[in-house]
Amino acid sequence: MRPTRYRWFVVTTFFVFILLHQADKLLIGPLTTPIMESFGIDEARMGLVFSGAVLVGAICYPLWGVLFDLFRRTRLLALASLLWGASTSLSALARTFPVFMVTRASTGIDDSCYPGIYNVTADYFEPRLRGRVNGILGVGQPMGYLLGMSLGVLLQAAVGWRGIFLLTGAAGVLLALIIRFLIHEPARGGTEPELAAAQDVDRVTVHGDVLCRGEYVEREEQHHDGVQPVLGLERRERERAAEHAELRGDHPAAPTTDPRPPPAIDERRPEHLQHPRQRQERREPDLRHAEAALAQDHRQGDCEESTGQALAEVQEPEQRQTGARARGHAFTPAAPARRAASPVDR
């Protein structure tokens, strides 16, 4: 399954979870009368069932928040779905009112797991899509209310309130298996570029694709200004620093922190899309050739300069002698310059 499709599969799974969970939560409304008749209780004692679930959910909200920050969120959500299925099924099997009240109140544990759903989906989608994703998940709550009321009215006469609870409990167990084995834990902050650079996460999620930091990514995306490689921000900054060092003439280029060798040079890739170390390997033979040619030019220039000085020394007396003869004067060659006596000579 393609990454862009897989993340929408994740949203669909969590939407179904919210839909059925809210339906199970509202089932007890139309089933209140048959439940009271089964246990022989009044409305006051039935109100304890509703209050117990709300109180347990209020206590578990901060506990779920701490657990979602410390452990794998997808496994915790699978556990919440399993608790939902188990508690609802036990409610259907309860034979006394105290057992029913405890099992029904325990459904408040999974009622407070919704923050983990929004947290996981946020790591699958970049900021520009999160609003619509959260809106889709939010629709599951009112639709679940309607579904729960409809199921309670339509199936009460057919299977009874215990049968309805068994059906929704089985749905919770099935969703727990789907979340546990088919929903993968995304990288925390993977779709936040700034957070990825600040916390140095191991993976970066770009448009649904989880890219491992430290690898040379071959995937490319078409942008308005041309084709650019999709890389982590930290690696991109190192590449820019290496390019600036090459432009300043620093040689050799500063090594990267990645000890692994770069991938093989692809002759078909444009030079601006290649890694700086690849570009350096491409340019090293040309640089060595240019340095050798420049050194040879310097040697030839020094040789020509010394030869020109020697010719000038030889030709200068001849030119002065020729000029003197043309003017009718006797030419007397200049005496060689004497070296000043040093203290040792004295």
Foldseek 3Di string as FASTA:
>chain_A
DDLLVLLVVLLVLLLVVLQLLLLLVQLCVLQVVVVCVQAVDDVVLVVLLVVLQVVLLVVQQVVLVVVVVPDQLLLVLLVLLLLLLVLLLQLLVDRHDVSNSVSSSSNSNSVNSVVSSLQQSPLQDAPVCSVVSVVSSVVSNVNSNVNNVVCSVPCCVPQNPSVVSNVSSVVSNVSSVCSVPPPDRGWRCQNPLVVCVVVVTQWHADSSDTHGALADDPDWDADPVGIARDHRPVLVVVQVQQVVCVVVPNPPTDDDPRPDDHDDDDPPDDPVRDGSVSVSVVCVVVVVVVVVVVVVVVVVVVVVVVVVVVVCVVVVLVVVCVVCVVVPHHDDDDDDDDDDDDPVND
